[in-house]
Amino acid sequence: LDIELEMGAVVGTGSRFGQPVSVAEADEMIFGYV
């Protein structure tokens, strides 16, 4: 049994089915981190 040290990104706003988002748009969608 092991651990994994990670950060978690929390998505604040979603995207539409079938619609990719750019890296810049993805950054705007992220609310915060845990």
PDB file of all heavy atoms in Angstrom:
ATOM      1  N   LEU A   1       0.845  -1.194   0.000  1.00  0.00           N
ATOM      2  CA  LEU A   1       0.000   0.000   0.000  1.00  0.00           C
ATOM      3  C   LEU A   1       0.884   1.248   0.000  1.00  0.00           C
ATOM      4  O   LEU A   1       1.810   1.367   0.805  1.00  0.00           O
ATOM      5  CB  LEU A   1      -0.914  -0.013   1.221  1.00  0.00           C
ATOM      6  CG  LEU A   1      -1.962   1.100   1.300  1.00  0.00           C
ATOM      7  CD1 LEU A   1      -2.905   1.065   0.106  1.00  0.00           C
ATOM      8  CD2 LEU A   1      -2.760   0.972   2.593  1.00  0.00           C
ATOM      9  N   ASP A   2       0.549   2.181  -0.868  1.00  0.00           N
ATOM     10  CA  ASP A   2       1.441   3.312  -1.139  1.00  0.00           C
ATOM     11  C   ASP A   2       0.656   4.619  -1.128  1.00  0.00           C
ATOM     12  O   ASP A   2      -0.577   4.645  -1.036  1.00  0.00           O
ATOM     13  CB  ASP A   2       2.106   3.104  -2.511  1.00  0.00           C
ATOM     14  CG  ASP A   2       3.376   3.920  -2.706  1.00  0.00           C
ATOM     15  OD1 ASP A   2       3.745   4.708  -1.803  1.00  0.00           O
ATOM     16  OD2 ASP A   2       3.997   3.768  -3.771  1.00  0.00           O
ATOM     17  N   ILE A   3       1.398   5.702  -1.239  1.00  0.00           N
ATOM     18  CA  ILE A   3       0.847   7.049  -1.375  1.00  0.00           C
ATOM     19  C   ILE A   3       1.256   7.612  -2.722  1.00  0.00           C
ATOM     20  O   ILE A   3       2.162   7.099  -3.380  1.00  0.00           O
ATOM     21  CB  ILE A   3       1.384   7.984  -0.271  1.00  0.00           C
ATOM     22  CG1 ILE A   3       2.913   8.094  -0.388  1.00  0.00           C
ATOM     23  CG2 ILE A   3       0.969   7.495   1.093  1.00  0.00           C
ATOM     24  CD1 ILE A   3       3.506   9.309   0.237  1.00  0.00           C
ATOM     25  N   GLU A   4       0.609   8.696  -3.119  1.00  0.00           N
ATOM     26  CA  GLU A   4       1.069   9.501  -4.252  1.00  0.00           C
ATOM     27  C   GLU A   4       0.830  10.964  -3.923  1.00  0.00           C
ATOM     28  O   GLU A   4      -0.312  11.381  -3.711  1.00  0.00           O
ATOM     29  CB  GLU A   4       0.357   9.104  -5.554  1.00  0.00           C
ATOM     30  CG  GLU A   4       0.824   7.760  -6.075  1.00  0.00           C
ATOM     31  CD  GLU A   4       0.359   7.445  -7.481  1.00  0.00           C
ATOM     32  OE1 GLU A   4      -0.627   8.076  -7.943  1.00  0.00           O
ATOM     33  OE2 GLU A   4       0.965   6.578  -8.125  1.00  0.00           O
ATOM     34  N   LEU A   5       1.909  11.708  -3.854  1.00  0.00           N
ATOM     35  CA  LEU A   5       1.849  13.147  -3.590  1.00  0.00           C
ATOM     36  C   LEU A   5       1.449  13.869  -4.867  1.00  0.00           C
ATOM     37  O   LEU A   5       2.198  13.851  -5.848  1.00  0.00           O
ATOM     38  CB  LEU A   5       3.215  13.629  -3.103  1.00  0.00           C
ATOM     39  CG  LEU A   5       3.441  15.140  -3.032  1.00  0.00           C
ATOM     40  CD1 LEU A   5       2.499  15.801  -2.040  1.00  0.00           C
ATOM     41  CD2 LEU A   5       4.892  15.445  -2.689  1.00  0.00           C
ATOM     42  N   GLU A   6       0.277  14.502  -4.856  1.00  0.00           N
ATOM     43  CA  GLU A   6      -0.214  15.178  -6.045  1.00  0.00           C
ATOM     44  C   GLU A   6      -0.867  16.507  -5.673  1.00  0.00           C
ATOM     45  O   GLU A   6      -1.192  16.769  -4.515  1.00  0.00           O
ATOM     46  CB  GLU A   6      -1.240  14.312  -6.792  1.00  0.00           C
ATOM     47  CG  GLU A   6      -0.729  12.938  -7.197  1.00  0.00           C
ATOM     48  CD  GLU A   6      -1.679  12.222  -8.154  1.00  0.00           C
ATOM     49  OE1 GLU A   6      -2.397  12.911  -8.910  1.00  0.00           O
ATOM     50  OE2 GLU A   6      -1.694  10.975  -8.133  1.00  0.00           O
ATOM     51  N   MET A   7      -1.080  17.337  -6.695  1.00  0.00           N
ATOM     52  CA  MET A   7      -1.971  18.484  -6.608  1.00  0.00           C
ATOM     53  C   MET A   7      -3.226  18.150  -7.405  1.00  0.00           C
ATOM     54  O   MET A   7      -3.163  17.431  -8.412  1.00  0.00           O
ATOM     55  CB  MET A   7      -1.321  19.732  -7.198  1.00  0.00           C
ATOM     56  CG  MET A   7      -0.104  20.232  -6.455  1.00  0.00           C
ATOM     57  SD  MET A   7      -0.462  20.889  -4.820  1.00  0.00           S
ATOM     58  CE  MET A   7      -1.547  22.254  -5.239  1.00  0.00           C
ATOM     59  N   GLY A   8      -4.356  18.680  -6.959  1.00  0.00           N
ATOM     60  CA  GLY A   8      -5.603  18.497  -7.692  1.00  0.00           C
ATOM     61  C   GLY A   8      -6.122  19.822  -8.197  1.00  0.00           C
ATOM     62  O   GLY A   8      -6.206  20.795  -7.435  1.00  0.00           O
ATOM     63  N   ALA A   9      -6.442  19.907  -9.480  1.00  0.00           N
ATOM     64  CA  ALA A   9      -7.049  21.105 -10.057  1.00  0.00           C
ATOM     65  C   ALA A   9      -8.566  20.935 -10.058  1.00  0.00           C
ATOM     66  O   ALA A   9      -9.082  19.891 -10.467  1.00  0.00           O
ATOM     67  CB  ALA A   9      -6.550  21.339 -11.473  1.00  0.00           C
ATOM     68  N   VAL A  10      -9.282  21.958  -9.581  1.00  0.00           N
ATOM     69  CA  VAL A  10     -10.745  21.911  -9.463  1.00  0.00           C
ATOM     70  C   VAL A  10     -11.356  22.737 -10.589  1.00  0.00           C
ATOM     71  O   VAL A  10     -11.115  23.946 -10.696  1.00  0.00           O
ATOM     72  CB  VAL A  10     -11.197  22.462  -8.100  1.00  0.00           C
ATOM     73  CG1 VAL A  10     -12.713  22.363  -7.960  1.00  0.00           C
ATOM     74  CG2 VAL A  10     -10.491  21.727  -6.964  1.00  0.00           C
ATOM     75  N   VAL A  11     -12.156  22.088 -11.428  1.00  0.00           N
ATOM     76  CA  VAL A  11     -12.787  22.768 -12.563  1.00  0.00           C
ATOM     77  C   VAL A  11     -13.988  23.556 -12.052  1.00  0.00           C
ATOM     78  O   VAL A  11     -14.897  23.003 -11.419  1.00  0.00           O
ATOM     79  CB  VAL A  11     -13.213  21.761 -13.642  1.00  0.00           C
ATOM     80  CG1 VAL A  11     -13.957  22.468 -14.776  1.00  0.00           C
ATOM     81  CG2 VAL A  11     -11.988  21.027 -14.199  1.00  0.00           C
ATOM     82  N   GLY A  12     -13.986  24.869 -12.326  1.00  0.00           N
ATOM     83  CA  GLY A  12     -15.066  25.724 -11.856  1.00  0.00           C
ATOM     84  C   GLY A  12     -16.198  25.866 -12.847  1.00  0.00           C
ATOM     85  O   GLY A  12     -17.372  25.848 -12.473  1.00  0.00           O
ATOM     86  N   THR A  13     -15.869  26.024 -14.117  1.00  0.00           N
ATOM     87  CA  THR A  13     -16.895  26.127 -15.159  1.00  0.00           C
ATOM     88  C   THR A  13     -16.637  25.070 -16.215  1.00  0.00           C
ATOM     89  O   THR A  13     -15.490  24.758 -16.533  1.00  0.00           O
ATOM     90  CB  THR A  13     -16.891  27.515 -15.823  1.00  0.00           C
ATOM     91  OG1 THR A  13     -15.581  27.799 -16.336  1.00  0.00           O
ATOM     92  CG2 THR A  13     -17.278  28.592 -14.825  1.00  0.00           C
ATOM     93  N   GLY A  14     -17.702  24.522 -16.760  1.00  0.00           N
ATOM     94  CA  GLY A  14     -17.584  23.406 -17.682  1.00  0.00           C
ATOM     95  C   GLY A  14     -17.461  23.825 -19.129  1.00  0.00           C
ATOM     96  O   GLY A  14     -17.348  25.001 -19.469  1.00  0.00           O
ATOM     97  N   SER A  15     -17.477  22.813 -19.997  1.00  0.00           N
ATOM     98  CA  SER A  15     -17.423  23.031 -21.454  1.00  0.00           C
ATOM     99  C   SER A  15     -18.532  22.221 -22.106  1.00  0.00           C
ATOM    100  O   SER A  15     -19.104  21.308 -21.504  1.00  0.00           O
ATOM    101  CB  SER A  15     -16.056  22.632 -22.009  1.00  0.00           C
ATOM    102  OG  SER A  15     -15.783  21.258 -21.760  1.00  0.00           O
ATOM    103  N   ARG A  16     -18.828  22.560 -23.362  1.00  0.00           N
ATOM    104  CA  ARG A  16     -19.932  21.915 -24.071  1.00  0.00           C
ATOM    105  C   ARG A  16     -19.494  20.599 -24.700  1.00  0.00           C
ATOM    106  O   ARG A  16     -18.349  20.430 -25.113  1.00  0.00           O
ATOM    107  CB  ARG A  16     -20.494  22.840 -25.156  1.00  0.00           C
ATOM    108  CG  ARG A  16     -21.085  24.126 -24.623  1.00  0.00           C
ATOM    109  CD  ARG A  16     -21.968  24.796 -25.668  1.00  0.00           C
ATOM    110  NE  ARG A  16     -21.261  25.017 -26.925  1.00  0.00           N
ATOM    111  CZ  ARG A  16     -20.509  26.066 -27.193  1.00  0.00           C
ATOM    112  NH1 ARG A  16     -20.327  27.000 -26.265  1.00  0.00           N
ATOM    113  NH2 ARG A  16     -19.927  26.199 -28.360  1.00  0.00           N
ATOM    114  N   PHE A  17     -20.423  19.673 -24.795  1.00  0.00           N
ATOM    115  CA  PHE A  17     -20.194  18.396 -25.475  1.00  0.00           C
ATOM    116  C   PHE A  17     -19.754  18.653 -26.917  1.00  0.00           C
ATOM    117  O   PHE A  17     -20.368  19.431 -27.642  1.00  0.00           O
ATOM    118  CB  PHE A  17     -21.488  17.580 -25.453  1.00  0.00           C
ATOM    119  CG  PHE A  17     -21.428  16.294 -26.223  1.00  0.00           C
ATOM    120  CD1 PHE A  17     -20.702  15.220 -25.733  1.00  0.00           C
ATOM    121  CD2 PHE A  17     -22.080  16.166 -27.433  1.00  0.00           C
ATOM    122  CE1 PHE A  17     -20.643  14.029 -26.447  1.00  0.00           C
ATOM    123  CE2 PHE A  17     -22.035  14.978 -28.153  1.00  0.00           C
ATOM    124  CZ  PHE A  17     -21.308  13.901 -27.653  1.00  0.00           C
ATOM    125  N   GLY A  18     -18.664  18.030 -27.307  1.00  0.00           N
ATOM    126  CA  GLY A  18     -18.174  18.160 -28.674  1.00  0.00           C
ATOM    127  C   GLY A  18     -17.323  19.385 -28.927  1.00  0.00           C
ATOM    128  O   GLY A  18     -16.863  19.584 -30.058  1.00  0.00           O
ATOM    129  N   GLN A  19     -17.086  20.228 -27.898  1.00  0.00           N
ATOM    130  CA  GLN A  19     -16.366  21.489 -28.092  1.00  0.00           C
ATOM    131  C   GLN A  19     -15.045  21.482 -27.326  1.00  0.00           C
ATOM    132  O   GLN A  19     -15.034  21.640 -26.103  1.00  0.00           O
ATOM    133  CB  GLN A  19     -17.224  22.664 -27.622  1.00  0.00           C
ATOM    134  CG  GLN A  19     -16.565  24.016 -27.804  1.00  0.00           C
ATOM    135  CD  GLN A  19     -16.307  24.338 -29.273  1.00  0.00           C
ATOM    136  OE1 GLN A  19     -17.216  24.283 -30.088  1.00  0.00           O
ATOM    137  NE2 GLN A  19     -15.051  24.641 -29.592  1.00  0.00           N
ATOM    138  N   PRO A  20     -13.913  21.281 -28.004  1.00  0.00           N
ATOM    139  CA  PRO A  20     -12.625  21.370 -27.322  1.00  0.00           C
ATOM    140  C   PRO A  20     -12.360  22.781 -26.814  1.00  0.00           C
ATOM    141  O   PRO A  20     -12.937  23.757 -27.312  1.00  0.00           O
ATOM    142  CB  PRO A  20     -11.609  20.994 -28.418  1.00  0.00           C
ATOM    143  CG  PRO A  20     -12.401  20.328 -29.493  1.00  0.00           C
ATOM    144  CD  PRO A  20     -13.773  20.944 -29.432  1.00  0.00           C
ATOM    145  N   VAL A  21     -11.496  22.902 -25.809  1.00  0.00           N
ATOM    146  CA  VAL A  21     -11.086  24.213 -25.303  1.00  0.00           C
ATOM    147  C   VAL A  21      -9.580  24.353 -25.448  1.00  0.00           C
ATOM    148  O   VAL A  21      -8.839  23.370 -25.439  1.00  0.00           O
ATOM    149  CB  VAL A  21     -11.498  24.416 -23.825  1.00  0.00           C
ATOM    150  CG1 VAL A  21     -12.995  24.321 -23.672  1.00  0.00           C
ATOM    151  CG2 VAL A  21     -10.798  23.425 -22.910  1.00  0.00           C
ATOM    152  N   SER A  22      -9.121  25.570 -25.601  1.00  0.00           N
ATOM    153  CA  SER A  22      -7.686  25.839 -25.709  1.00  0.00           C
ATOM    154  C   SER A  22      -7.049  25.785 -24.324  1.00  0.00           C
ATOM    155  O   SER A  22      -7.740  25.777 -23.301  1.00  0.00           O
ATOM    156  CB  SER A  22      -7.459  27.208 -26.332  1.00  0.00           C
ATOM    157  OG  SER A  22      -7.882  28.229 -25.450  1.00  0.00           O
ATOM    158  N   VAL A  23      -5.722  25.806 -24.288  1.00  0.00           N
ATOM    159  CA  VAL A  23      -5.021  25.827 -23.013  1.00  0.00           C
ATOM    160  C   VAL A  23      -5.376  27.103 -22.240  1.00  0.00           C
ATOM    161  O   VAL A  23      -5.597  27.067 -21.027  1.00  0.00           O
ATOM    162  CB  VAL A  23      -3.504  25.704 -23.220  1.00  0.00           C
ATOM    163  CG1 VAL A  23      -2.754  25.866 -21.904  1.00  0.00           C
ATOM    164  CG2 VAL A  23      -3.159  24.358 -23.852  1.00  0.00           C
ATOM    165  N   ALA A  24      -5.439  28.230 -22.931  1.00  0.00           N
ATOM    166  CA  ALA A  24      -5.804  29.491 -22.272  1.00  0.00           C
ATOM    167  C   ALA A  24      -7.221  29.428 -21.721  1.00  0.00           C
ATOM    168  O   ALA A  24      -7.489  29.884 -20.597  1.00  0.00           O
ATOM    169  CB  ALA A  24      -5.668  30.650 -23.252  1.00  0.00           C
ATOM    170  N   GLU A  25      -8.170  28.870 -22.488  1.00  0.00           N
ATOM    171  CA  GLU A  25      -9.550  28.736 -22.008  1.00  0.00           C
ATOM    172  C   GLU A  25      -9.614  27.771 -20.821  1.00  0.00           C
ATOM    173  O   GLU A  25     -10.357  27.997 -19.869  1.00  0.00           O
ATOM    174  CB  GLU A  25     -10.441  28.238 -23.142  1.00  0.00           C
ATOM    175  CG  GLU A  25     -10.676  29.274 -24.229  1.00  0.00           C
ATOM    176  CD  GLU A  25     -11.328  28.693 -25.466  1.00  0.00           C
ATOM    177  OE1 GLU A  25     -11.157  27.477 -25.731  1.00  0.00           O
ATOM    178  OE2 GLU A  25     -12.001  29.456 -26.187  1.00  0.00           O
ATOM    179  N   ALA A  26      -8.822  26.715 -20.884  1.00  0.00           N
ATOM    180  CA  ALA A  26      -8.792  25.754 -19.784  1.00  0.00           C
ATOM    181  C   ALA A  26      -8.314  26.403 -18.497  1.00  0.00           C
ATOM    182  O   ALA A  26      -8.863  26.162 -17.414  1.00  0.00           O
ATOM    183  CB  ALA A  26      -7.885  24.572 -20.153  1.00  0.00           C
ATOM    184  N   ASP A  27      -7.309  27.256 -18.603  1.00  0.00           N
ATOM    185  CA  ASP A  27      -6.801  27.949 -17.424  1.00  0.00           C
ATOM    186  C   ASP A  27      -7.889  28.827 -16.797  1.00  0.00           C
ATOM    187  O   ASP A  27      -8.000  28.905 -15.570  1.00  0.00           O
ATOM    188  CB  ASP A  27      -5.582  28.792 -17.800  1.00  0.00           C
ATOM    189  CG  ASP A  27      -4.897  29.398 -16.592  1.00  0.00           C
ATOM    190  OD1 ASP A  27      -4.583  28.650 -15.659  1.00  0.00           O
ATOM    191  OD2 ASP A  27      -4.684  30.620 -16.595  1.00  0.00           O
ATOM    192  N   GLU A  28      -8.704  29.467 -17.614  1.00  0.00           N
ATOM    193  CA  GLU A  28      -9.802  30.297 -17.113  1.00  0.00           C
ATOM    194  C   GLU A  28     -10.879  29.455 -16.431  1.00  0.00           C
ATOM    195  O   GLU A  28     -11.569  29.934 -15.525  1.00  0.00           O
ATOM    196  CB  GLU A  28     -10.433  31.087 -18.267  1.00  0.00           C
ATOM    197  CG  GLU A  28      -9.578  32.225 -18.771  1.00  0.00           C
ATOM    198  CD  GLU A  28      -9.391  33.299 -17.716  1.00  0.00           C
ATOM    199  OE1 GLU A  28     -10.394  33.764 -17.150  1.00  0.00           O
ATOM    200  OE2 GLU A  28      -8.226  33.645 -17.430  1.00  0.00           O
ATOM    201  N   MET A  29     -11.019  28.198 -16.831  1.00  0.00           N
ATOM    202  CA  MET A  29     -12.046  27.324 -16.269  1.00  0.00           C
ATOM    203  C   MET A  29     -11.685  26.806 -14.884  1.00  0.00           C
ATOM    204  O   MET A  29     -12.558  26.377 -14.124  1.00  0.00           O
ATOM    205  CB  MET A  29     -12.275  26.122 -17.199  1.00  0.00           C
ATOM    206  CG  MET A  29     -12.925  26.470 -18.532  1.00  0.00           C
ATOM    207  SD  MET A  29     -12.780  25.116 -19.750  1.00  0.00           S
ATOM    208  CE  MET A  29     -13.611  23.772 -18.907  1.00  0.00           C
ATOM    209  N   ILE A  30     -10.402  26.821 -14.539  1.00  0.00           N
ATOM    210  CA  ILE A  30      -9.955  26.254 -13.265  1.00  0.00           C
ATOM    211  C   ILE A  30     -10.253  27.234 -12.129  1.00  0.00           C
ATOM    212  O   ILE A  30      -9.841  28.389 -12.169  1.00  0.00           O
ATOM    213  CB  ILE A  30      -8.458  25.912 -13.314  1.00  0.00           C
ATOM    214  CG1 ILE A  30      -8.207  24.783 -14.320  1.00  0.00           C
ATOM    215  CG2 ILE A  30      -7.947  25.501 -11.929  1.00  0.00           C
ATOM    216  CD1 ILE A  30      -6.742  24.505 -14.591  1.00  0.00           C
ATOM    217  N   PHE A  31     -10.971  26.761 -11.118  1.00  0.00           N
ATOM    218  CA  PHE A  31     -11.319  27.590  -9.960  1.00  0.00           C
ATOM    219  C   PHE A  31     -10.177  27.650  -8.955  1.00  0.00           C
ATOM    220  O   PHE A  31      -9.880  28.702  -8.395  1.00  0.00           O
ATOM    221  CB  PHE A  31     -12.573  27.020  -9.297  1.00  0.00           C
ATOM    222  CG  PHE A  31     -12.972  27.726  -8.031  1.00  0.00           C
ATOM    223  CD1 PHE A  31     -13.470  29.019  -8.065  1.00  0.00           C
ATOM    224  CD2 PHE A  31     -12.854  27.091  -6.799  1.00  0.00           C
ATOM    225  CE1 PHE A  31     -13.842  29.675  -6.889  1.00  0.00           C
ATOM    226  CE2 PHE A  31     -13.229  27.735  -5.628  1.00  0.00           C
ATOM    227  CZ  PHE A  31     -13.719  29.025  -5.677  1.00  0.00           C
ATOM    228  N   GLY A  32      -9.558  26.512  -8.693  1.00  0.00           N
ATOM    229  CA  GLY A  32      -8.491  26.492  -7.696  1.00  0.00           C
ATOM    230  C   GLY A  32      -7.860  25.124  -7.582  1.00  0.00           C
ATOM    231  O   GLY A  32      -8.077  24.229  -8.415  1.00  0.00           O
ATOM    232  N   TYR A  33      -7.077  24.950  -6.509  1.00  0.00           N
ATOM    233  CA  TYR A  33      -6.244  23.756  -6.349  1.00  0.00           C
ATOM    234  C   TYR A  33      -6.345  23.219  -4.921  1.00  0.00           C
ATOM    235  O   TYR A  33      -6.537  23.977  -3.960  1.00  0.00           O
ATOM    236  CB  TYR A  33      -4.787  24.082  -6.672  1.00  0.00           C
ATOM    237  CG  TYR A  33      -4.552  24.394  -8.136  1.00  0.00           C
ATOM    238  CD1 TYR A  33      -4.826  25.659  -8.646  1.00  0.00           C
ATOM    239  CD2 TYR A  33      -4.080  23.419  -9.010  1.00  0.00           C
ATOM    240  CE1 TYR A  33      -4.633  25.951  -9.987  1.00  0.00           C
ATOM    241  CE2 TYR A  33      -3.875  23.701 -10.344  1.00  0.00           C
ATOM    242  CZ  TYR A  33      -4.149  24.962 -10.833  1.00  0.00           C
ATOM    243  OH  TYR A  33      -3.964  25.244 -12.165  1.00  0.00           O
ATOM    244  N   VAL A  34      -6.176  21.903  -4.791  1.00  0.00           N
ATOM    245  CA  VAL A  34      -6.126  21.228  -3.500  1.00  0.00           C
ATOM    246  C   VAL A  34      -4.906  20.305  -3.481  1.00  0.00           C
ATOM    247  O   VAL A  34      -4.372  19.929  -4.526  1.00  0.00           O
ATOM    248  CB  VAL A  34      -7.394  20.389  -3.239  1.00  0.00           C
ATOM    249  CG1 VAL A  34      -8.620  21.274  -3.079  1.00  0.00           C
ATOM    250  CG2 VAL A  34      -7.620  19.366  -4.367  1.00  0.00           C
TER     251      VAL A  34
END
